[in-house]
Amino acid sequence: MRKLAAFLLGGALVFFVLEIILRAGGFFIFHRQGIEKYKQAPSGYRILCIGDSFTYGLGAAHGFDYPIQLARLLGSKYPGGKFQVMNRGRCSYNTTQILSDFQATLREGTAPNLVILLGGGNNYWNFYGRERQSGVIALPVKWFFRTKVGKLIVLISWKIRKRGGSPGDTFGNIPATHNYGSVGGRPAFLEKLKARFCRENHGSKVYIELGVALAECGSYPEAEKCFLKGIEIDPASSEGYARMGGLCVSLGRYEEAKKWLAQAFKTGPGDIECYVETGWFYLQQRFYDEAIEWYRKGLEIDPQSGICYLSIGTAYARRSLYDEAVAWLEKGISVDRMNGDLYRCLAGVYANKGETAKSRECILLAACLNPEDIDTRSDLVRIFGGDRSAISEALAKNSIVLPPRIAALLKKISYFDDVRQWIISDIREIANICRRNDIRMILMDYPGDEVFSELMSKIAGDNSIPFVSNYRVFSVMDRAASRNCFVSDGHCSADGYAVIARNLFNFLEAEGK
């Protein structure tokens, strides 16, 4: 006991001596390396756009996200390279991850003059980092990393990561996705593929399967590399061409997708993936009749294809034809009873029909079948409104025993007010970093969420952050024009991101920034 006490006392003494030395003589270290005060750009005006998939530009082709379209507007009005706009959007990120990535960005180079933030919606299902906001341990840990010793440790660890990274950062020659728990996909499946990748010869099939898993995790550049590598190994792989076409569809690169899908049909006209991804091509662009036709052709090849039933049900649901959607989803369940996605989609349809009890029963069944799936988790929280007591009652009524992963998730679920406080805390921290470094900041809202718009407006007002409302602009648009601004999953199309870019541009001009 005495040895332990002496060790702790000695450690504390070393810590405080080192802290005094760093504060007195080594303070310059942190300014030079960019821990506290980041270097300003030598010339020009640097705009950094941070956030989630709406900043990344999911739903539009490469080069049509809102940051690039904003850069074009600024370059057209103010030629000569006076403005530089950078996109740091990350699919599926919550505010804690956006904050962490923002800090990493500042360490990597010169500080921007303006930061534009659009994010926070993923906090309602992606709980990574939420533990940092509460608990007894959080306070001393937060204090430690604000000391000079803590900052020195951060600096050293960052240098090590930048130089070589950990052995887990890559496998083979393919970068691993930055996956946090359940973010963006099925991590357990991805881990199995990594292990298989290390064990086996790197054949075309392995690369394609890995690409699918990476795409589900939101790691689209890495997924594209895998698909291209799979095609390179086996130029006759129709699945590789089809998957590449589907990825281009997800990224809004429709013209490129056509070419990949055409090649898929040329190499394997009987491969159901060709029909599935072609159906996705039309579904994502809201051509629902064409999408249904292609998925039905897929069922002619494989009558047991759950994805085809699921997609047809989705197409009908998005046209508000809920009875037809229910009929197709139930057909799918009858042939593929272990497909949790079918139950999840059916839960959403019942929710839209106002049949709450059926909706809750279906989403609980989906959670049992797909405990790793982020969409299922998100819908579980949404359908029950974060009400744990209602979930417990539904479990008891239906005699459902949830898997440990979902049971652990439910322990984290509380009412949405808690999530709101989490969002507020992270955005306030981002604003404080900007103030300490003389960086201007703008806060935006999503184009189609009135409740979230009210929250962002309040956060902006309480923290003296300029606020640009996209919801206000989109809510007054003509329905036909608004329809062209979105793809089927709710993300913006190129036209939608153009509206956001123009909205920002008008605000910057009006404010004289």
Protein backbone atom coordinates (compact mmCIF):
# COMPACT_ATOMS: atom_id res chain seq x y z
CA MET A 1 0.00 0.00 0.00
CA ARG A 2 2.88 2.32 0.86
CA LYS A 3 4.55 1.57 -2.47
CA LEU A 4 1.35 2.42 -4.34
CA ALA A 5 0.96 5.69 -2.40
CA ALA A 6 4.59 6.59 -3.08
CA PHE A 7 4.15 5.80 -6.77
CA LEU A 8 1.03 7.98 -7.07
CA LEU A 9 2.67 10.82 -5.16
CA GLY A 10 5.77 10.61 -7.34
CA GLY A 11 3.68 10.56 -10.49
CA ALA A 12 1.71 13.62 -9.37
CA LEU A 13 4.95 15.44 -8.53
CA VAL A 14 6.44 14.68 -11.96
CA PHE A 15 3.22 15.84 -13.63
CA PHE A 16 3.14 19.21 -11.86
CA VAL A 17 6.87 19.84 -12.38
CA LEU A 18 6.52 19.10 -16.10
CA GLU A 19 3.40 21.29 -16.28
CA ILE A 20 5.29 24.21 -14.70
CA ILE A 21 8.23 23.77 -17.07
CA LEU A 22 5.97 23.63 -20.13
CA ARG A 23 4.02 26.68 -19.04
CA ALA A 24 7.15 28.69 -18.23
CA GLY A 25 9.60 27.79 -20.98
CA GLY A 26 7.95 25.44 -23.42
CA PHE A 27 4.74 27.31 -24.11
CA PHE A 28 5.93 28.13 -27.63
CA ILE A 29 5.80 24.44 -28.55
CA PHE A 30 2.04 24.41 -28.73
CA HIS A 31 1.79 27.51 -30.84
CA ARG A 32 4.39 26.29 -33.31
CA GLN A 33 2.78 22.87 -33.70
CA GLY A 34 -0.76 24.16 -33.90
CA ILE A 35 -2.32 22.74 -30.76
CA GLU A 36 -3.77 25.96 -29.34
CA LYS A 37 -3.30 28.62 -31.97
CA TYR A 38 -3.42 27.51 -35.58
CA LYS A 39 -1.57 29.21 -38.41
CA GLN A 40 -3.62 31.55 -40.52
CA ALA A 41 -3.61 31.28 -44.31
CA PRO A 42 -0.89 33.47 -45.88
CA SER A 43 -3.18 34.77 -48.62
CA GLY A 44 -6.70 34.34 -49.95
CA TYR A 45 -9.83 33.51 -48.00
CA ARG A 46 -10.13 29.88 -46.90
CA ILE A 47 -13.59 28.42 -46.28
CA LEU A 48 -13.84 25.02 -44.56
CA CYS A 49 -17.16 23.16 -44.83
CA ILE A 50 -17.59 20.53 -42.11
CA GLY A 51 -20.49 18.18 -41.41
CA ASP A 52 -22.04 14.91 -42.49
CA SER A 53 -23.34 13.43 -45.75
CA PHE A 54 -25.12 16.68 -46.73
CA THR A 55 -21.72 18.37 -46.77
CA TYR A 56 -20.02 15.38 -48.39
CA GLY A 57 -22.56 15.65 -51.21
CA LEU A 58 -24.20 12.23 -51.07
CA GLY A 59 -26.83 11.99 -53.81
CA ALA A 60 -25.01 14.17 -56.33
CA ALA A 61 -22.21 13.43 -58.76
CA HIS A 62 -18.63 14.31 -57.88
CA GLY A 63 -18.13 18.04 -58.23
CA PHE A 64 -21.73 18.97 -57.46
CA ASP A 65 -21.67 19.03 -53.64
CA TYR A 66 -22.55 22.41 -52.14
CA PRO A 67 -18.93 23.40 -51.22
CA ILE A 68 -17.72 23.01 -54.81
CA GLN A 69 -20.77 24.82 -56.18
CA LEU A 70 -20.19 27.62 -53.66
CA ALA A 71 -16.56 27.81 -54.85
CA ARG A 72 -17.77 28.19 -58.45
CA LEU A 73 -20.13 31.02 -57.48
CA LEU A 74 -17.38 32.83 -55.58
CA GLY A 75 -14.87 32.30 -58.38
CA SER A 76 -17.30 33.61 -60.97
CA LYS A 77 -18.06 36.79 -59.01
CA TYR A 78 -14.57 37.29 -57.60
CA PRO A 79 -12.01 35.84 -60.05
CA GLY A 80 -8.32 35.52 -59.34
CA GLY A 81 -8.30 32.71 -56.81
CA LYS A 82 -9.34 34.91 -53.90
CA PHE A 83 -11.37 32.12 -52.30
CA GLN A 84 -10.54 28.51 -51.48
CA VAL A 85 -13.41 26.24 -50.39
CA MET A 86 -12.60 22.88 -48.77
CA ASN A 87 -15.03 20.00 -48.19
CA ARG A 88 -14.53 18.01 -44.98
CA GLY A 89 -17.95 16.33 -44.92
CA ARG A 90 -18.04 12.76 -43.61
CA CYS A 91 -20.99 10.41 -44.13
CA SER A 92 -22.75 9.21 -40.95
CA TYR A 93 -20.73 11.46 -38.62
CA ASN A 94 -22.37 12.85 -35.49
CA THR A 95 -21.32 16.16 -33.93
CA THR A 96 -18.66 14.58 -31.69
CA GLN A 97 -16.98 13.02 -34.71
CA ILE A 98 -17.32 16.28 -36.66
CA LEU A 99 -15.67 18.11 -33.75
CA SER A 100 -12.83 15.58 -33.58
CA ASP A 101 -12.31 15.69 -37.36
CA PHE A 102 -12.33 19.50 -37.29
CA GLN A 103 -9.57 19.51 -34.67
CA ALA A 104 -7.57 17.02 -36.76
CA THR A 105 -8.02 19.24 -39.83
CA LEU A 106 -6.60 22.22 -37.97
CA ARG A 107 -3.59 20.18 -36.87
CA GLU A 108 -2.95 19.07 -40.44
CA GLY A 109 -2.51 22.53 -41.93
CA THR A 110 -3.30 26.21 -41.81
CA ALA A 111 -6.49 27.40 -40.19
CA PRO A 112 -9.42 28.55 -42.35
CA ASN A 113 -10.89 32.03 -42.21
CA LEU A 114 -14.46 30.71 -42.15
CA VAL A 115 -16.04 27.45 -40.98
CA ILE A 116 -19.49 26.38 -42.22
CA LEU A 117 -21.18 23.63 -40.21
CA LEU A 118 -24.11 21.48 -41.36
CA GLY A 119 -24.66 18.42 -39.17
CA GLY A 120 -26.22 16.94 -36.05
CA GLY A 121 -28.95 14.74 -37.49
CA ASN A 122 -26.90 11.56 -37.04
CA ASN A 123 -26.74 12.08 -33.26
CA TYR A 124 -30.22 10.56 -33.00
CA TRP A 125 -28.95 7.12 -33.97
CA ASN A 126 -25.13 7.21 -33.96
CA PHE A 127 -24.14 7.27 -30.27
CA TYR A 128 -20.37 7.15 -30.76
CA GLY A 129 -18.68 9.57 -28.37
CA ARG A 130 -21.84 10.39 -26.43
CA GLU A 131 -20.25 9.02 -23.25
CA ARG A 132 -17.86 11.99 -23.30
CA GLN A 133 -20.72 14.33 -22.50
CA SER A 134 -21.58 12.83 -19.12
CA GLY A 135 -20.22 10.80 -16.26
CA VAL A 136 -17.76 11.40 -13.44
CA ILE A 137 -14.74 10.26 -15.48
CA ALA A 138 -15.40 12.80 -18.22
CA LEU A 139 -14.52 15.85 -16.08
CA PRO A 140 -10.99 14.87 -14.95
CA VAL A 141 -10.17 13.48 -18.41
CA LYS A 142 -11.33 16.70 -20.05
CA TRP A 143 -9.28 18.72 -17.55
CA PHE A 144 -6.17 16.59 -18.15
CA PHE A 145 -6.19 17.12 -21.90
CA ARG A 146 -6.47 20.86 -21.39
CA THR A 147 -3.23 20.92 -19.40
CA LYS A 148 0.10 21.40 -21.17
CA VAL A 149 1.12 17.83 -20.33
CA GLY A 150 -2.09 16.48 -21.83
CA LYS A 151 -1.64 18.60 -24.96
CA LEU A 152 1.94 17.38 -25.28
CA ILE A 153 0.69 13.76 -25.19
CA VAL A 154 -1.91 14.58 -27.86
CA LEU A 155 0.80 16.18 -29.99
CA ILE A 156 3.16 13.21 -29.69
CA SER A 157 0.41 10.65 -30.39
CA TRP A 158 -0.75 12.67 -33.39
CA LYS A 159 2.78 12.78 -34.80
CA ILE A 160 3.09 9.00 -34.39
CA ARG A 161 -0.24 8.38 -36.12
CA LYS A 162 0.65 10.74 -38.94
CA ARG A 163 4.05 9.12 -39.49
CA GLY A 164 3.05 5.50 -39.68
CA GLY A 165 -0.34 4.74 -38.22
CA SER A 166 -1.24 1.65 -36.30
CA PRO A 167 -1.08 -1.86 -37.77
CA GLY A 168 -4.87 -1.86 -37.86
CA ASP A 169 -5.07 1.14 -40.16
CA THR A 170 -4.58 -0.93 -43.30
CA PHE A 171 -4.90 -4.47 -44.49
CA GLY A 172 -3.29 -5.54 -47.72
CA ASN A 173 -2.97 -2.35 -49.76
CA ILE A 174 -6.49 -1.15 -49.00
CA PRO A 175 -7.13 1.53 -46.36
CA ALA A 176 -9.56 0.42 -43.68
CA THR A 177 -12.65 2.49 -43.03
CA HIS A 178 -12.69 4.75 -40.00
CA ASN A 179 -15.48 2.79 -38.41
CA TYR A 180 -16.80 3.79 -35.00
CA GLY A 181 -18.88 1.03 -33.51
CA SER A 182 -21.98 0.89 -35.67
CA VAL A 183 -21.35 3.88 -37.89
CA GLY A 184 -22.56 3.40 -41.43
CA GLY A 185 -22.80 -0.36 -41.68
CA ARG A 186 -22.16 -3.81 -40.25
CA PRO A 187 -18.78 -3.74 -38.49
CA ALA A 188 -18.84 -7.42 -37.47
CA PHE A 189 -19.25 -8.46 -41.11
CA LEU A 190 -16.50 -6.05 -42.13
CA GLU A 191 -14.14 -7.51 -39.52
CA LYS A 192 -14.77 -11.03 -40.83
CA LEU A 193 -13.96 -9.86 -44.33
CA LYS A 194 -10.74 -8.27 -43.12
CA ALA A 195 -9.73 -11.55 -41.51
CA ARG A 196 -10.62 -13.45 -44.66
CA PHE A 197 -8.67 -10.94 -46.71
CA CYS A 198 -5.57 -11.66 -44.63
CA ARG A 199 -6.01 -15.46 -44.84
CA GLU A 200 -6.83 -16.00 -48.49
CA ASN A 201 -5.50 -15.07 -51.87
CA HIS A 202 -6.87 -11.69 -52.83
CA GLY A 203 -9.27 -12.84 -55.51
CA SER A 204 -11.85 -10.75 -57.33
CA LYS A 205 -14.76 -12.00 -55.19
CA VAL A 206 -13.06 -11.02 -51.94
CA TYR A 207 -12.38 -7.48 -53.18
CA ILE A 208 -15.98 -7.07 -54.34
CA GLU A 209 -17.42 -8.33 -51.04
CA LEU A 210 -15.08 -6.03 -49.17
CA GLY A 211 -16.18 -3.13 -51.36
CA VAL A 212 -19.83 -3.82 -50.54
CA ALA A 213 -19.06 -3.78 -46.80
CA LEU A 214 -17.04 -0.56 -47.09
CA ALA A 215 -19.83 1.10 -49.08
CA GLU A 216 -22.33 0.16 -46.36
CA CYS A 217 -19.98 1.84 -43.87
CA GLY A 218 -20.00 5.05 -45.92
CA SER A 219 -16.38 4.59 -47.06
CA TYR A 220 -17.14 5.20 -50.72
CA PRO A 221 -13.62 6.00 -52.01
CA GLU A 222 -12.25 2.80 -50.44
CA ALA A 223 -15.21 0.81 -51.79
CA GLU A 224 -14.55 2.13 -55.28
CA LYS A 225 -10.91 1.03 -55.07
CA CYS A 226 -12.04 -2.47 -54.08
CA PHE A 227 -14.53 -2.78 -56.94
CA LEU A 228 -11.99 -1.55 -59.49
CA LYS A 229 -9.39 -3.97 -58.12
CA GLY A 230 -11.89 -6.83 -58.35
CA ILE A 231 -12.65 -5.94 -61.97
CA GLU A 232 -8.94 -5.67 -62.73
CA ILE A 233 -8.36 -9.20 -61.39
CA ASP A 234 -11.39 -10.63 -63.22
CA PRO A 235 -12.51 -8.52 -66.21
CA ALA A 236 -15.43 -10.94 -66.72
CA SER A 237 -16.92 -10.22 -63.29
CA SER A 238 -20.43 -8.97 -64.02
CA GLU A 239 -21.01 -8.48 -60.29
CA GLY A 240 -18.01 -6.16 -60.12
CA TYR A 241 -19.37 -3.99 -62.95
CA ALA A 242 -22.86 -4.02 -61.42
CA ARG A 243 -21.60 -3.08 -57.95
CA MET A 244 -19.51 -0.29 -59.43
CA GLY A 245 -22.59 0.97 -61.23
CA GLY A 246 -24.60 0.87 -58.01
CA LEU A 247 -21.88 2.82 -56.18
CA CYS A 248 -21.92 5.50 -58.87
CA VAL A 249 -25.70 5.73 -58.46
CA SER A 250 -25.32 6.27 -54.70
CA LEU A 251 -22.83 9.05 -55.42
CA GLY A 252 -25.07 10.66 -58.04
CA ARG A 253 -22.75 9.83 -60.95
CA TYR A 254 -25.57 8.61 -63.17
CA GLU A 255 -23.93 8.88 -66.57
CA GLU A 256 -20.96 6.87 -65.35
CA ALA A 257 -23.35 4.38 -63.72
CA LYS A 258 -25.01 3.73 -67.11
CA LYS A 259 -21.68 2.64 -68.59
CA TRP A 260 -20.86 0.28 -65.74
CA LEU A 261 -24.33 -1.28 -65.81
CA ALA A 262 -24.19 -1.72 -69.58
CA GLN A 263 -20.89 -3.56 -69.17
CA ALA A 264 -22.44 -5.68 -66.40
CA PHE A 265 -25.24 -6.87 -68.72
CA LYS A 266 -22.70 -7.48 -71.49
CA THR A 267 -20.58 -9.82 -69.32
CA GLY A 268 -23.37 -11.48 -67.32
CA PRO A 269 -26.93 -10.90 -68.58
CA GLY A 270 -28.26 -13.59 -66.23
CA ASP A 271 -26.73 -12.12 -63.07
CA ILE A 272 -29.43 -10.81 -60.76
CA GLU A 273 -27.08 -8.08 -59.47
CA CYS A 274 -27.38 -6.43 -62.88
CA TYR A 275 -31.15 -6.09 -62.42
CA VAL A 276 -30.90 -5.08 -58.76
CA GLU A 277 -28.42 -2.27 -59.43
CA THR A 278 -30.34 -1.10 -62.51
CA GLY A 279 -33.47 -0.95 -60.39
CA TRP A 280 -31.48 1.11 -57.88
CA PHE A 281 -30.46 3.43 -60.75
CA TYR A 282 -34.11 4.29 -61.38
CA LEU A 283 -35.25 4.17 -57.75
CA GLN A 284 -32.66 6.71 -56.62
CA GLN A 285 -33.83 9.12 -59.33
CA ARG A 286 -37.48 8.59 -58.35
CA PHE A 287 -38.46 6.82 -61.59
CA TYR A 288 -40.55 4.38 -59.61
CA ASP A 289 -42.38 2.59 -62.42
CA GLU A 290 -39.10 1.81 -64.20
CA ALA A 291 -37.51 0.69 -60.93
CA ILE A 292 -40.39 -1.70 -60.19
CA GLU A 293 -40.15 -3.14 -63.69
CA TRP A 294 -36.45 -3.96 -63.29
CA TYR A 295 -36.90 -5.49 -59.84
CA ARG A 296 -39.70 -7.68 -61.20
CA LYS A 297 -37.32 -8.87 -63.92
CA GLY A 298 -34.90 -9.72 -61.12
CA LEU A 299 -37.58 -11.84 -59.45
CA GLU A 300 -37.98 -13.79 -62.70
CA ILE A 301 -34.34 -14.81 -62.33
CA ASP A 302 -34.49 -15.40 -58.56
CA PRO A 303 -38.01 -15.63 -57.07
CA GLN A 304 -36.44 -15.82 -53.58
CA SER A 305 -34.67 -12.45 -53.85
CA GLY A 306 -35.52 -10.50 -50.71
CA ILE A 307 -33.83 -7.34 -52.03
CA CYS A 308 -36.19 -7.24 -55.00
CA TYR A 309 -39.29 -7.54 -52.81
CA LEU A 310 -37.84 -4.95 -50.46
CA SER A 311 -37.11 -2.49 -53.25
CA ILE A 312 -40.52 -2.89 -54.88
CA GLY A 313 -42.15 -2.29 -51.50
CA THR A 314 -39.94 0.77 -51.04
CA ALA A 315 -40.92 2.15 -54.46
CA TYR A 316 -44.63 1.83 -53.67
CA ALA A 317 -44.14 3.33 -50.20
CA ARG A 318 -42.39 6.37 -51.65
CA ARG A 319 -45.38 6.89 -53.92
CA SER A 320 -47.58 6.70 -50.79
CA LEU A 321 -49.20 3.50 -52.11
CA TYR A 322 -48.97 1.84 -48.71
CA ASP A 323 -51.32 -1.11 -49.27
CA GLU A 324 -49.30 -2.20 -52.32
CA ALA A 325 -46.11 -1.72 -50.35
CA VAL A 326 -47.37 -3.91 -47.50
CA ALA A 327 -48.42 -6.64 -49.95
CA TRP A 328 -44.98 -6.82 -51.59
CA LEU A 329 -43.08 -6.66 -48.30
CA GLU A 330 -45.19 -9.46 -46.84
CA LYS A 331 -44.51 -11.54 -49.96
CA GLY A 332 -40.83 -10.95 -49.37
CA ILE A 333 -41.08 -12.03 -45.74
CA SER A 334 -42.89 -15.22 -46.78
CA VAL A 335 -39.89 -16.28 -48.90
CA ASP A 336 -37.11 -14.70 -46.83
CA ARG A 337 -38.17 -14.72 -43.18
CA MET A 338 -34.69 -13.94 -41.83
CA ASN A 339 -34.34 -10.68 -43.78
CA GLY A 340 -34.50 -7.95 -41.15
CA ASP A 341 -34.57 -5.20 -43.79
CA LEU A 342 -38.00 -6.37 -44.92
CA TYR A 343 -39.37 -6.06 -41.38
CA ARG A 344 -37.71 -2.66 -40.98
CA CYS A 345 -39.25 -1.33 -44.18
CA LEU A 346 -42.63 -2.78 -43.24
CA ALA A 347 -42.35 -1.01 -39.87
CA GLY A 348 -41.85 2.28 -41.68
CA VAL A 349 -44.86 1.69 -43.91
CA TYR A 350 -47.09 0.87 -40.94
CA ALA A 351 -45.81 4.01 -39.19
CA ASN A 352 -46.81 6.10 -42.21
CA LYS A 353 -50.22 4.44 -42.19
CA GLY A 354 -50.64 5.36 -38.53
CA GLU A 355 -50.70 1.72 -37.37
CA THR A 356 -48.36 2.23 -34.41
CA ALA A 357 -48.69 -1.20 -32.77
CA LYS A 358 -47.82 -3.08 -35.98
CA SER A 359 -44.99 -0.66 -36.69
CA ARG A 360 -43.42 -1.23 -33.28
CA GLU A 361 -43.79 -5.00 -33.52
CA CYS A 362 -42.05 -5.07 -36.92
CA ILE A 363 -39.15 -2.84 -35.88
CA LEU A 364 -38.48 -5.00 -32.81
CA LEU A 365 -38.38 -8.10 -35.02
CA ALA A 366 -36.01 -6.27 -37.36
CA ALA A 367 -33.79 -5.41 -34.39
CA CYS A 368 -33.60 -9.09 -33.42
CA LEU A 369 -32.59 -10.08 -36.94
CA ASN A 370 -30.24 -7.15 -37.67
CA PRO A 371 -28.77 -6.00 -34.34
CA GLU A 372 -25.75 -4.50 -36.13
CA ASP A 373 -27.68 -2.50 -38.72
CA ILE A 374 -27.62 1.26 -38.20
CA ASP A 375 -30.82 1.89 -40.17
CA THR A 376 -32.66 -0.54 -37.89
CA ARG A 377 -31.29 1.18 -34.81
CA SER A 378 -32.22 4.57 -36.17
CA ASP A 379 -35.80 3.48 -36.93
CA LEU A 380 -36.07 1.78 -33.53
CA VAL A 381 -35.33 5.09 -31.82
CA ARG A 382 -37.56 7.07 -34.19
CA ILE A 383 -40.60 4.78 -34.08
CA PHE A 384 -40.56 4.59 -30.28
CA GLY A 385 -39.61 8.25 -29.92
CA GLY A 386 -36.75 7.36 -27.59
CA ASP A 387 -39.28 6.10 -25.00
CA ARG A 388 -37.67 3.18 -23.16
CA SER A 389 -40.80 2.36 -21.17
CA ALA A 390 -42.82 1.91 -24.38
CA ILE A 391 -40.12 -0.39 -25.75
CA SER A 392 -40.17 -2.48 -22.56
CA GLU A 393 -43.95 -2.81 -22.75
CA ALA A 394 -43.82 -3.88 -26.39
CA LEU A 395 -41.12 -6.46 -25.63
CA ALA A 396 -43.17 -7.96 -22.80
CA LYS A 397 -46.36 -7.98 -24.85
CA ASN A 398 -44.76 -9.79 -27.79
CA SER A 399 -42.49 -12.03 -25.68
CA ILE A 400 -39.45 -10.76 -27.60
CA VAL A 401 -35.94 -11.15 -26.20
CA LEU A 402 -33.58 -8.71 -27.86
CA PRO A 403 -29.96 -9.59 -28.64
CA PRO A 404 -27.33 -8.10 -26.28
CA ARG A 405 -26.24 -5.48 -28.83
CA ILE A 406 -29.73 -3.98 -29.10
CA ALA A 407 -30.32 -4.30 -25.35
CA ALA A 408 -27.13 -2.28 -24.80
CA LEU A 409 -28.36 0.31 -27.28
CA LEU A 410 -31.63 0.71 -25.41
CA LYS A 411 -29.73 1.57 -22.25
CA LYS A 412 -28.27 4.56 -24.09
CA ILE A 413 -31.61 5.70 -25.48
CA SER A 414 -33.31 8.46 -23.58
CA TYR A 415 -35.63 11.21 -24.63
CA PHE A 416 -34.59 13.39 -27.51
CA ASP A 417 -33.92 16.32 -25.17
CA ASP A 418 -30.75 14.54 -24.04
CA VAL A 419 -29.58 14.27 -27.64
CA ARG A 420 -30.33 17.94 -28.16
CA GLN A 421 -28.06 18.84 -25.23
CA TRP A 422 -25.34 16.68 -26.73
CA ILE A 423 -25.63 18.49 -30.07
CA ILE A 424 -25.63 21.87 -28.33
CA SER A 425 -22.51 21.00 -26.33
CA ASP A 426 -20.47 19.91 -29.37
CA ILE A 427 -21.48 22.89 -31.53
CA ARG A 428 -20.64 25.25 -28.66
CA GLU A 429 -17.18 23.64 -28.45
CA ILE A 430 -16.64 24.07 -32.20
CA ALA A 431 -17.69 27.72 -31.87
CA ASN A 432 -15.26 28.23 -28.97
CA ILE A 433 -12.38 26.78 -30.99
CA CYS A 434 -13.23 29.16 -33.81
CA ARG A 435 -13.32 32.16 -31.46
CA ARG A 436 -9.99 31.28 -29.86
CA ASN A 437 -8.40 31.16 -33.31
CA ASP A 438 -10.13 34.18 -34.91
CA ILE A 439 -12.08 31.95 -37.29
CA ARG A 440 -15.53 33.04 -38.39
CA MET A 441 -18.30 30.45 -38.22
CA ILE A 442 -21.68 29.92 -39.90
CA LEU A 443 -24.30 27.37 -38.81
CA MET A 444 -26.80 25.87 -41.27
CA ASP A 445 -29.83 23.57 -41.06
CA TYR A 446 -31.04 20.71 -43.23
CA PRO A 447 -33.31 21.55 -46.17
CA GLY A 448 -36.28 19.41 -45.11
CA ASP A 449 -36.47 19.29 -41.29
CA GLU A 450 -38.46 22.01 -39.54
CA VAL A 451 -37.87 20.76 -35.98
CA PHE A 452 -34.11 20.53 -36.51
CA SER A 453 -34.13 23.98 -38.11
CA GLU A 454 -35.64 25.41 -34.93
CA LEU A 455 -32.92 23.73 -32.86
CA MET A 456 -30.11 25.08 -35.06
CA SER A 457 -31.64 28.56 -35.00
CA LYS A 458 -31.72 28.50 -31.19
CA ILE A 459 -28.12 27.23 -30.92
CA ALA A 460 -26.97 29.96 -33.31
CA GLY A 461 -28.80 32.66 -31.37
CA ASP A 462 -27.59 31.49 -27.96
CA ASN A 463 -23.97 31.36 -29.14
CA SER A 464 -23.92 34.44 -31.40
CA ILE A 465 -23.27 32.35 -34.52
CA PRO A 466 -24.56 33.59 -37.89
CA PHE A 467 -27.34 31.26 -39.08
CA VAL A 468 -28.29 30.36 -42.66
CA SER A 469 -31.61 28.53 -42.98
CA ASN A 470 -31.87 26.11 -45.88
CA TYR A 471 -35.22 24.86 -44.60
CA ARG A 472 -36.73 28.30 -45.04
CA VAL A 473 -35.64 28.44 -48.69
CA PHE A 474 -36.77 24.93 -49.59
CA SER A 475 -40.10 25.22 -47.74
CA VAL A 476 -41.32 28.02 -50.02
CA MET A 477 -40.24 26.36 -53.26
CA ASP A 478 -42.70 25.12 -55.85
CA ARG A 479 -43.41 21.40 -55.29
CA ALA A 480 -42.22 20.38 -58.76
CA ALA A 481 -38.99 22.34 -58.40
CA SER A 482 -38.45 20.99 -54.90
CA ARG A 483 -38.97 17.42 -56.12
CA ASN A 484 -35.99 17.76 -58.48
CA CYS A 485 -33.80 18.87 -55.59
CA PHE A 486 -33.83 15.53 -53.76
CA VAL A 487 -33.01 11.90 -54.49
CA SER A 488 -35.05 9.02 -53.13
CA ASP A 489 -33.25 8.64 -49.78
CA GLY A 490 -33.80 12.28 -48.80
CA HIS A 491 -30.37 13.62 -49.69
CA CYS A 492 -30.05 16.49 -52.14
CA SER A 493 -29.49 16.08 -55.84
CA ALA A 494 -27.05 18.34 -57.69
CA ASP A 495 -29.91 20.85 -58.04
CA GLY A 496 -30.57 20.74 -54.30
CA TYR A 497 -26.94 21.37 -53.41
CA ALA A 498 -26.97 24.24 -55.91
CA VAL A 499 -29.81 25.84 -53.92
CA ILE A 500 -27.80 25.48 -50.69
CA ALA A 501 -24.70 26.98 -52.35
CA ARG A 502 -26.69 29.92 -53.73
CA ASN A 503 -28.32 30.47 -50.34
CA LEU A 504 -24.88 30.63 -48.69
CA PHE A 505 -23.48 32.86 -51.42
CA ASN A 506 -26.34 35.35 -51.04
CA PHE A 507 -25.83 35.41 -47.27
CA LEU A 508 -22.08 36.03 -47.58
CA GLU A 509 -22.65 38.86 -50.03
CA ALA A 510 -25.37 40.43 -47.90
CA GLU A 511 -23.19 40.25 -44.79
CA GLY A 512 -20.18 41.61 -46.65
CA LYS A 513 -18.01 38.70 -45.60
